Amino acid sequence: MYIGGKSAVEIADEFGTPVYVTDEQRVRENYRRIYGAFSRFMDTRVHYACKANTNLAILSILREEGAGIDAVSIGEVMSCLKAGFTPDRIMYTGVNVSDAELKAVSELGVMINLDSACEMERLARIAPCSDVSFRITPGVGSGHSAKVTTGNKGAKFGIPLDQVIDTYARAKDLGFNIKGIHAHIGSGGQVVEPFMDMMEVLIELVNELKGLGIDLEFIDMGGGIGVPYRPQEEEMDVEELASNLTSMIEEETDVKTIMLEPGRYIVCDSTVLLTRVNDLKDTGVKRYVGVDAGFNTLVRPTMYDSYHHVALANRMGKACTSKYDVVGPICESGDYLAHDRVLPDPQVGDLVAVYDAGAYGFSMSSRYNSRPLCAEVLVNDGKAELIREAETMEDVWRHQIVPERLR
């Protein structure tokens, strides 16, 4: 197996396992594809949803490409500033935000996308006359799991639909500089129709707000554009998505700019998780391939029952022999990466590649069982570079303090 022109086996030998390996050119290609699909129809701002992957090298690649940022925490905002983004290229969309965080974000000069009327009133006291947008709850939900469906009625995110007009009117009275309207229906949607349903709701609100003298600069459709995780699964038709949504905006409103916030779409298939086979077990009921990456390294299969394709990176093209569960070293029954996968006859020392690990892979990893976080590697035109060192146990202990009386 080769990743970005570099042997996966060589990468694992040089940097150890488990290790996340990202193909730089794939990140660039994905950004250019989604930006090109929309910008050919109307003015477009692509704000990368950086919660998918906040590695500074990945952020720097997207800064070079001209992306903006969708950030959901002060930590993400600060990381993006460190990667060279200017505040005007970042929009902050928090939920249940503290006054301290609102103050910190506003002092950095970042536009705030408000999630509630309560947050609006608090921001009016902290930073009056700020540039703002509002996240609304469109009553349309979509996603690969109920845990990531965010736009449905009653969701914890956004201004409820029946409160939107009053909230905007109040924002105008408070003196805010109102820039736009935003909705996000969920993560991993693979069909166009829910996005169109959401846009119909946004357009109706935009036109009603115009009647109140509130003219918006942009409509933000959020993110959630899905990617295929399974072999033979069809890709989202982003050209159709872009054509349909932009034509709706242009035909039915005076808004000139569309904003979108892809995260998974940009980084998911750019990255492979490489993990080493440590152990093999045949229980008579199941055959297990035990590897050195568990749900501490990639939590999606355990948390969302997500599918990630797996292959033996050092046996590509070899005939498959039996079905195996690929499981990790965590002391939990739910610690698995893949169920019932057909693989070539595995051996201790083989290298398992877990595909499509760039979104919510490292960013959701943990130190559970006191296992240090793994390394990240960037590959570009056959050259592999370390972009995050693997942690040591000293890193795990670094901020722990044992009271003197217990020593």
Protein backbone atom coordinates (compact mmCIF):
# COMPACT_ATOMS: atom_id res chain seq x y z
CA MET A 1 0.00 0.00 0.00
CA TYR A 2 1.19 3.48 -0.86
CA ILE A 3 -0.09 6.72 0.65
CA GLY A 4 0.77 9.89 -1.27
CA GLY A 5 3.50 8.03 -3.10
CA LYS A 6 5.10 6.64 0.08
CA SER A 7 5.07 3.01 1.23
CA ALA A 8 2.76 2.48 4.22
CA VAL A 9 5.16 -0.16 5.53
CA GLU A 10 8.06 2.31 5.43
CA ILE A 11 5.97 4.94 7.21
CA ALA A 12 5.02 2.54 10.00
CA ASP A 13 8.60 1.35 10.38
CA GLU A 14 9.90 4.92 10.61
CA PHE A 15 7.25 6.53 12.82
CA GLY A 16 5.80 3.57 14.73
CA THR A 17 2.19 2.53 15.18
CA PRO A 18 -0.54 3.41 15.65
CA VAL A 19 -0.10 6.43 13.40
CA TYR A 20 -2.41 8.67 11.40
CA VAL A 21 -1.08 9.30 7.88
CA THR A 22 -2.49 12.13 5.75
CA ASP A 23 -2.01 12.72 2.03
CA GLU A 24 -1.56 16.49 1.65
CA GLN A 25 -2.62 16.57 -1.98
CA ARG A 26 -5.89 14.83 -1.19
CA VAL A 27 -6.76 17.55 1.33
CA ARG A 28 -6.07 20.19 -1.31
CA GLU A 29 -8.05 18.32 -3.98
CA ASN A 30 -11.09 17.94 -1.72
CA TYR A 31 -11.10 21.64 -0.82
CA ARG A 32 -10.76 22.71 -4.44
CA ARG A 33 -13.56 20.37 -5.52
CA ILE A 34 -16.11 21.66 -3.03
CA TYR A 35 -15.12 25.30 -3.48
CA GLY A 36 -15.23 24.96 -7.27
CA ALA A 37 -18.64 23.31 -7.22
CA PHE A 38 -20.25 26.28 -5.47
CA SER A 39 -18.14 29.23 -6.62
CA ARG A 40 -18.98 28.64 -10.28
CA PHE A 41 -22.54 29.71 -9.45
CA MET A 42 -22.21 32.49 -6.88
CA ASP A 43 -19.89 34.15 -4.39
CA THR A 44 -18.82 31.39 -2.01
CA ARG A 45 -17.02 31.15 1.31
CA VAL A 46 -15.90 27.68 2.36
CA HIS A 47 -15.27 27.62 6.09
CA TYR A 48 -13.55 24.38 7.10
CA ALA A 49 -15.24 22.82 10.16
CA CYS A 50 -12.01 22.37 12.00
CA LYS A 51 -13.41 20.14 14.75
CA ALA A 52 -12.89 17.33 12.24
CA ASN A 53 -9.11 17.73 12.46
CA THR A 54 -7.27 20.63 14.09
CA ASN A 55 -3.68 19.63 13.41
CA LEU A 56 -1.77 22.84 12.73
CA ALA A 57 -0.26 21.43 9.53
CA ILE A 58 -3.72 20.56 8.15
CA LEU A 59 -4.97 24.01 9.09
CA SER A 60 -1.96 25.58 7.36
CA ILE A 61 -2.69 23.67 4.15
CA LEU A 62 -6.24 24.99 4.12
CA ARG A 63 -5.09 28.51 4.94
CA GLU A 64 -2.91 28.34 1.83
CA GLU A 65 -5.91 27.16 -0.19
CA GLY A 66 -7.93 30.19 0.87
CA ALA A 67 -10.37 28.50 3.24
CA GLY A 68 -12.14 30.15 6.11
CA ILE A 69 -12.79 28.44 9.44
CA ASP A 70 -15.85 27.24 11.33
CA ALA A 71 -14.73 27.03 14.97
CA VAL A 72 -16.78 25.77 17.90
CA SER A 73 -14.50 26.60 20.84
CA ILE A 74 -12.02 29.23 21.94
CA GLY A 75 -9.34 26.54 21.64
CA GLU A 76 -10.18 26.01 17.97
CA VAL A 77 -10.17 29.76 17.37
CA MET A 78 -6.74 30.11 18.95
CA SER A 79 -5.38 27.11 17.05
CA CYS A 80 -6.51 28.62 13.75
CA LEU A 81 -4.97 31.99 14.62
CA LYS A 82 -1.73 30.17 15.43
CA ALA A 83 -1.93 28.47 12.01
CA GLY A 84 -2.02 31.90 10.39
CA PHE A 85 -5.72 32.56 9.84
CA THR A 86 -6.79 36.15 10.34
CA PRO A 87 -9.85 36.79 12.55
CA ASP A 88 -11.98 37.87 9.58
CA ARG A 89 -11.65 34.35 8.12
CA ILE A 90 -13.03 32.66 11.24
CA MET A 91 -16.64 32.30 12.39
CA TYR A 92 -17.32 31.01 15.89
CA THR A 93 -20.38 28.85 16.39
CA GLY A 94 -20.50 27.67 19.98
CA VAL A 95 -23.28 26.05 21.97
CA ASN A 96 -24.00 26.68 25.65
CA VAL A 97 -21.17 29.22 25.67
CA SER A 98 -19.91 30.80 28.89
CA ASP A 99 -19.53 34.54 29.34
CA ALA A 100 -15.77 34.07 29.66
CA GLU A 101 -15.58 32.35 26.29
CA LEU A 102 -17.84 34.92 24.61
CA LYS A 103 -15.58 37.67 25.93
CA ALA A 104 -12.42 35.91 24.77
CA VAL A 105 -13.75 35.26 21.27
CA SER A 106 -15.11 38.77 20.83
CA GLU A 107 -11.80 40.30 21.96
CA LEU A 108 -10.04 38.33 19.22
CA GLY A 109 -12.23 40.01 16.60
CA VAL A 110 -13.95 36.85 15.40
CA MET A 111 -17.56 36.94 14.17
CA ILE A 112 -19.91 35.09 16.49
CA ASN A 113 -22.72 32.92 15.21
CA LEU A 114 -25.18 33.07 18.10
CA ASP A 115 -26.94 29.90 19.23
CA SER A 116 -29.60 31.27 21.58
CA ALA A 117 -31.46 34.41 22.63
CA CYS A 118 -29.82 34.09 26.04
CA GLU A 119 -26.37 34.10 24.44
CA MET A 120 -27.37 37.20 22.42
CA GLU A 121 -28.41 39.12 25.54
CA ARG A 122 -25.17 38.19 27.31
CA LEU A 123 -23.06 39.21 24.29
CA ALA A 124 -24.89 42.56 24.19
CA ARG A 125 -23.50 43.28 27.66
CA ILE A 126 -20.02 41.91 26.88
CA ALA A 127 -19.41 43.25 23.37
CA PRO A 128 -22.23 45.51 22.12
CA CYS A 129 -22.50 46.29 18.40
CA SER A 130 -20.59 43.13 17.41
CA ASP A 131 -20.87 41.48 13.99
CA VAL A 132 -23.18 38.49 14.44
CA SER A 133 -25.07 35.78 12.68
CA PHE A 134 -27.63 33.38 14.13
CA ARG A 135 -27.86 29.62 14.06
CA ILE A 136 -31.48 28.58 13.63
CA THR A 137 -33.14 25.20 14.08
CA PRO A 138 -34.79 24.51 10.70
CA GLY A 139 -36.77 21.46 11.76
CA VAL A 140 -34.88 19.38 9.18
CA GLY A 141 -32.47 16.71 10.38
CA SER A 142 -29.96 14.56 8.55
CA GLY A 143 -26.92 12.48 9.49
CA HIS A 144 -25.28 9.09 9.66
CA SER A 145 -26.39 8.64 13.29
CA ALA A 146 -29.00 10.07 15.64
CA LYS A 147 -26.04 11.32 17.70
CA VAL A 148 -24.98 13.68 14.91
CA THR A 149 -28.40 14.82 13.66
CA THR A 150 -28.62 18.47 14.71
CA GLY A 151 -31.30 20.35 12.78
CA ASN A 152 -34.42 18.53 13.92
CA LYS A 153 -37.13 20.22 15.97
CA GLY A 154 -36.23 20.20 19.66
CA ALA A 155 -32.48 19.82 19.05
CA LYS A 156 -30.13 21.45 21.54
CA PHE A 157 -28.67 23.60 18.74
CA GLY A 158 -29.95 26.91 17.42
CA ILE A 159 -32.87 29.31 17.72
CA PRO A 160 -36.23 27.49 17.56
CA LEU A 161 -38.02 28.29 14.32
CA ASP A 162 -40.94 30.09 15.94
CA GLN A 163 -38.51 32.42 17.80
CA VAL A 164 -36.24 33.39 14.91
CA ILE A 165 -37.95 36.60 13.74
CA ASP A 166 -38.33 37.99 17.25
CA THR A 167 -34.69 37.17 18.00
CA TYR A 168 -33.42 39.01 14.92
CA ALA A 169 -35.66 41.98 15.73
CA ARG A 170 -34.26 42.07 19.25
CA ALA A 171 -30.71 41.89 17.87
CA LYS A 172 -31.44 44.89 15.69
CA ASP A 173 -32.76 46.82 18.68
CA LEU A 174 -29.65 45.92 20.65
CA GLY A 175 -27.46 47.45 17.95
CA PHE A 176 -25.77 44.34 16.62
CA ASN A 177 -24.40 44.36 13.08
CA ILE A 178 -26.37 41.43 11.69
CA LYS A 179 -24.54 39.65 8.87
CA GLY A 180 -26.22 36.36 8.13
CA ILE A 181 -28.28 33.30 8.96
CA HIS A 182 -27.01 29.78 9.56
CA ALA A 183 -28.34 26.25 9.93
CA HIS A 184 -26.70 22.86 10.20
CA ILE A 185 -28.87 19.76 9.81
CA GLY A 186 -26.37 17.07 10.80
CA SER A 187 -23.23 15.23 9.81
CA GLY A 188 -22.73 12.70 7.04
CA GLY A 189 -25.75 13.37 4.84
CA GLN A 190 -25.47 11.57 1.50
CA VAL A 191 -28.48 12.93 -0.38
CA VAL A 192 -29.34 16.40 -1.65
CA GLU A 193 -33.00 16.66 -0.63
CA PRO A 194 -32.59 17.46 3.12
CA PHE A 195 -30.25 20.34 2.25
CA MET A 196 -32.87 21.71 -0.15
CA ASP A 197 -35.55 21.41 2.53
CA MET A 198 -33.33 23.34 4.91
CA MET A 199 -32.65 26.02 2.29
CA GLU A 200 -36.37 26.55 1.74
CA VAL A 201 -36.72 27.33 5.44
CA LEU A 202 -33.75 29.73 5.39
CA ILE A 203 -35.00 31.54 2.30
CA GLU A 204 -38.44 32.08 3.80
CA LEU A 205 -36.82 33.57 6.91
CA VAL A 206 -34.45 35.77 4.86
CA ASN A 207 -37.36 37.30 2.99
CA GLU A 208 -39.41 37.83 6.13
CA LEU A 209 -36.42 39.54 7.77
CA LYS A 210 -36.01 41.77 4.72
CA GLY A 211 -39.55 42.98 5.32
CA LEU A 212 -38.40 44.09 8.77
CA GLY A 213 -35.49 46.05 7.28
CA ILE A 214 -32.87 43.41 8.06
CA ASP A 215 -30.84 42.68 4.93
CA LEU A 216 -28.44 39.75 5.24
CA GLU A 217 -25.08 39.39 3.52
CA PHE A 218 -24.89 35.60 3.53
CA ILE A 219 -26.79 32.38 3.97
CA ASP A 220 -24.74 29.68 5.72
CA MET A 221 -25.90 26.15 4.88
CA GLY A 222 -23.62 24.59 7.49
CA GLY A 223 -21.74 21.40 6.78
CA GLY A 224 -22.61 17.74 6.97
CA ILE A 225 -21.84 16.78 3.38
CA GLY A 226 -21.23 13.05 3.62
CA VAL A 227 -18.52 10.87 2.18
CA PRO A 228 -18.56 7.16 1.24
CA TYR A 229 -17.04 4.94 3.91
CA ARG A 230 -17.98 1.60 2.36
CA PRO A 231 -16.63 0.18 -0.89
CA GLN A 232 -19.04 0.76 -3.79
CA GLU A 233 -20.92 3.44 -1.84
CA GLU A 234 -21.81 6.40 -4.02
CA GLU A 235 -20.39 9.85 -3.37
CA MET A 236 -22.55 12.88 -2.68
CA ASP A 237 -23.15 14.75 -5.95
CA VAL A 238 -21.73 18.11 -4.84
CA GLU A 239 -22.27 19.62 -8.28
CA GLU A 240 -26.00 18.91 -8.05
CA LEU A 241 -26.06 20.14 -4.46
CA ALA A 242 -24.33 23.39 -5.40
CA SER A 243 -26.47 23.99 -8.46
CA ASN A 244 -29.73 23.43 -6.63
CA LEU A 245 -28.94 25.49 -3.53
CA THR A 246 -27.38 28.44 -5.30
CA SER A 247 -30.21 28.66 -7.83
CA MET A 248 -32.73 28.72 -4.97
CA ILE A 249 -30.89 31.58 -3.29
CA GLU A 250 -30.40 33.60 -6.47
CA GLU A 251 -33.96 33.16 -7.70
CA GLU A 252 -35.74 33.77 -4.39
CA THR A 253 -33.58 36.25 -2.41
CA ASP A 254 -31.28 39.25 -2.76
CA VAL A 255 -28.49 37.50 -0.82
CA LYS A 256 -25.23 37.45 -2.79
CA THR A 257 -23.06 35.02 -0.79
CA ILE A 258 -23.41 31.40 0.24
CA MET A 259 -21.29 30.01 3.05
CA LEU A 260 -20.71 26.33 3.77
CA GLU A 261 -18.78 24.50 6.46
CA PRO A 262 -17.46 21.12 5.27
CA GLY A 263 -15.17 19.27 7.66
CA ARG A 264 -15.49 15.56 6.99
CA TYR A 265 -15.72 16.14 3.23
CA ILE A 266 -12.32 17.83 3.14
CA VAL A 267 -10.22 15.60 5.40
CA CYS A 268 -11.93 12.22 5.82
CA ASP A 269 -10.52 10.25 2.90
CA SER A 270 -7.16 12.02 3.07
CA THR A 271 -6.05 9.95 6.04
CA VAL A 272 -5.36 6.33 6.89
CA LEU A 273 -4.78 4.95 10.37
CA LEU A 274 -1.96 2.39 10.36
CA THR A 275 -1.97 -0.11 13.21
CA ARG A 276 0.18 -3.20 13.88
CA VAL A 277 -1.12 -6.74 14.48
CA ASN A 278 -0.05 -7.80 17.98
CA ASP A 279 -2.11 -10.92 18.53
CA LEU A 280 -4.36 -13.48 16.84
CA LYS A 281 -7.13 -15.50 18.45
CA ASP A 282 -9.61 -18.12 17.21
CA THR A 283 -12.42 -18.66 19.73
CA GLY A 284 -14.23 -21.20 17.59
CA VAL A 285 -17.02 -18.66 17.22
CA LYS A 286 -15.00 -15.67 16.01
CA ARG A 287 -11.51 -15.02 14.75
CA TYR A 288 -9.86 -11.93 16.19
CA VAL A 289 -7.04 -9.79 14.84
CA GLY A 290 -5.66 -7.85 17.82
CA VAL A 291 -3.99 -4.54 16.91
CA ASP A 292 -2.30 -1.70 18.78
CA ALA A 293 -5.02 0.88 18.01
CA GLY A 294 -8.27 0.83 19.94
CA PHE A 295 -11.18 3.13 20.57
CA ASN A 296 -8.72 5.39 22.36
CA THR A 297 -7.21 5.94 18.90
CA LEU A 298 -10.36 5.82 16.73
CA VAL A 299 -13.61 5.98 18.67
CA ARG A 300 -16.08 6.22 15.77
CA PRO A 301 -16.81 2.46 15.39
CA THR A 302 -17.55 2.14 19.11
CA MET A 303 -19.35 5.46 19.57
CA TYR A 304 -21.41 5.56 16.37
CA ASP A 305 -21.26 1.95 15.11
CA SER A 306 -19.44 3.49 12.15
CA TYR A 307 -17.99 1.46 9.31
CA HIS A 308 -14.35 1.92 8.30
CA HIS A 309 -12.90 -0.21 5.55
CA VAL A 310 -9.79 -2.14 6.59
CA ALA A 311 -7.03 -3.92 4.67
CA LEU A 312 -3.63 -5.46 5.32
CA ALA A 313 -1.28 -2.78 4.05
CA ASN A 314 1.61 -5.21 3.58
CA ARG A 315 -0.55 -7.81 1.79
CA MET A 316 -2.45 -5.69 -0.71
CA GLY A 317 -3.86 -7.80 -3.52
CA LYS A 318 -3.52 -11.09 -1.65
CA ALA A 319 -6.45 -13.48 -1.62
CA CYS A 320 -8.78 -13.17 1.38
CA THR A 321 -9.25 -16.33 3.43
CA SER A 322 -11.64 -15.80 6.35
CA LYS A 323 -13.69 -13.29 8.29
CA TYR A 324 -12.13 -11.52 11.26
CA ASP A 325 -12.98 -8.91 13.87
CA VAL A 326 -10.26 -6.28 14.16
CA VAL A 327 -10.04 -5.36 17.85
CA GLY A 328 -7.85 -3.13 20.00
CA PRO A 329 -5.95 -3.32 23.29
CA ILE A 330 -8.50 -1.48 25.45
CA CYS A 331 -10.03 -3.39 28.35
CA GLU A 332 -13.60 -3.04 27.05
CA SER A 333 -15.82 -5.39 25.04
CA GLY A 334 -16.76 -2.46 22.80
CA ASP A 335 -13.16 -1.93 21.72
CA TYR A 336 -13.21 -2.79 18.04
CA LEU A 337 -12.32 -1.21 14.71
CA ALA A 338 -14.14 -3.59 12.36
CA HIS A 339 -16.51 -6.57 12.53
CA ASP A 340 -16.62 -9.58 10.20
CA ARG A 341 -14.12 -8.39 7.61
CA VAL A 342 -12.69 -10.70 4.99
CA LEU A 343 -8.87 -10.50 5.07
CA PRO A 344 -5.86 -12.44 3.81
CA ASP A 345 -4.45 -14.86 6.40
CA PRO A 346 -3.11 -12.38 8.99
CA GLN A 347 0.15 -12.77 10.85
CA VAL A 348 1.57 -11.09 13.94
CA GLY A 349 3.48 -8.03 12.72
CA ASP A 350 1.19 -7.34 9.76
CA LEU A 351 0.08 -3.77 9.17
CA VAL A 352 -3.65 -2.99 9.16
CA ALA A 353 -4.80 0.11 7.30
CA VAL A 354 -8.03 1.70 8.53
CA TYR A 355 -9.40 3.92 5.77
CA ASP A 356 -11.20 7.29 5.92
CA ALA A 357 -9.81 8.20 9.34
CA GLY A 358 -9.07 11.89 8.76
CA ALA A 359 -12.32 13.26 10.20
CA TYR A 360 -12.98 12.83 13.92
CA GLY A 361 -10.12 10.34 14.20
CA PHE A 362 -7.27 11.93 16.08
CA SER A 363 -9.46 14.86 17.17
CA MET A 364 -11.65 12.48 19.23
CA SER A 365 -8.85 10.26 20.52
CA SER A 366 -8.15 9.89 24.24
CA ARG A 367 -5.65 8.61 26.79
CA TYR A 368 -8.02 5.98 28.15
CA ASN A 369 -6.19 3.10 29.89
CA SER A 370 -3.29 5.58 30.27
CA ARG A 371 -2.28 5.10 26.65
CA PRO A 372 -0.44 8.11 25.18
CA LEU A 373 -1.83 9.79 22.06
CA CYS A 374 -0.33 8.56 18.79
CA ALA A 375 1.70 10.36 16.13
CA GLU A 376 0.46 12.06 12.97
CA VAL A 377 2.36 12.08 9.67
CA LEU A 378 1.86 14.17 6.53
CA VAL A 379 2.85 12.74 3.14
CA ASN A 380 3.41 14.91 0.09
CA ASP A 381 4.76 13.62 -3.23
CA GLY A 382 6.42 10.61 -1.65
CA LYS A 383 7.94 12.43 1.34
CA ALA A 384 6.68 11.73 4.86
CA GLU A 385 6.96 14.35 7.60
CA LEU A 386 6.05 14.13 11.27
CA ILE A 387 3.34 16.67 12.13
CA ARG A 388 2.62 15.47 15.66
CA GLU A 389 4.97 13.55 17.90
CA ALA A 390 3.66 10.47 19.64
CA GLU A 391 3.17 11.16 23.32
CA THR A 392 5.21 9.52 26.07
CA MET A 393 4.08 8.58 29.55
CA GLU A 394 5.73 11.78 30.76
CA ASP A 395 3.19 13.67 28.61
CA VAL A 396 0.34 11.72 30.23
CA TRP A 397 1.57 12.62 33.72
CA ARG A 398 2.65 16.18 32.90
CA HIS A 399 -0.24 18.11 34.48
CA GLN A 400 -1.00 15.73 37.33
CA ILE A 401 -0.08 16.83 40.85
CA VAL A 402 0.28 14.54 43.83
CA PRO A 403 -0.22 16.42 47.10
CA GLU A 404 2.88 16.45 49.29
CA ARG A 405 1.08 14.51 52.03
CA LEU A 406 0.61 11.55 49.64
CA ARG A 407 4.26 11.29 48.59
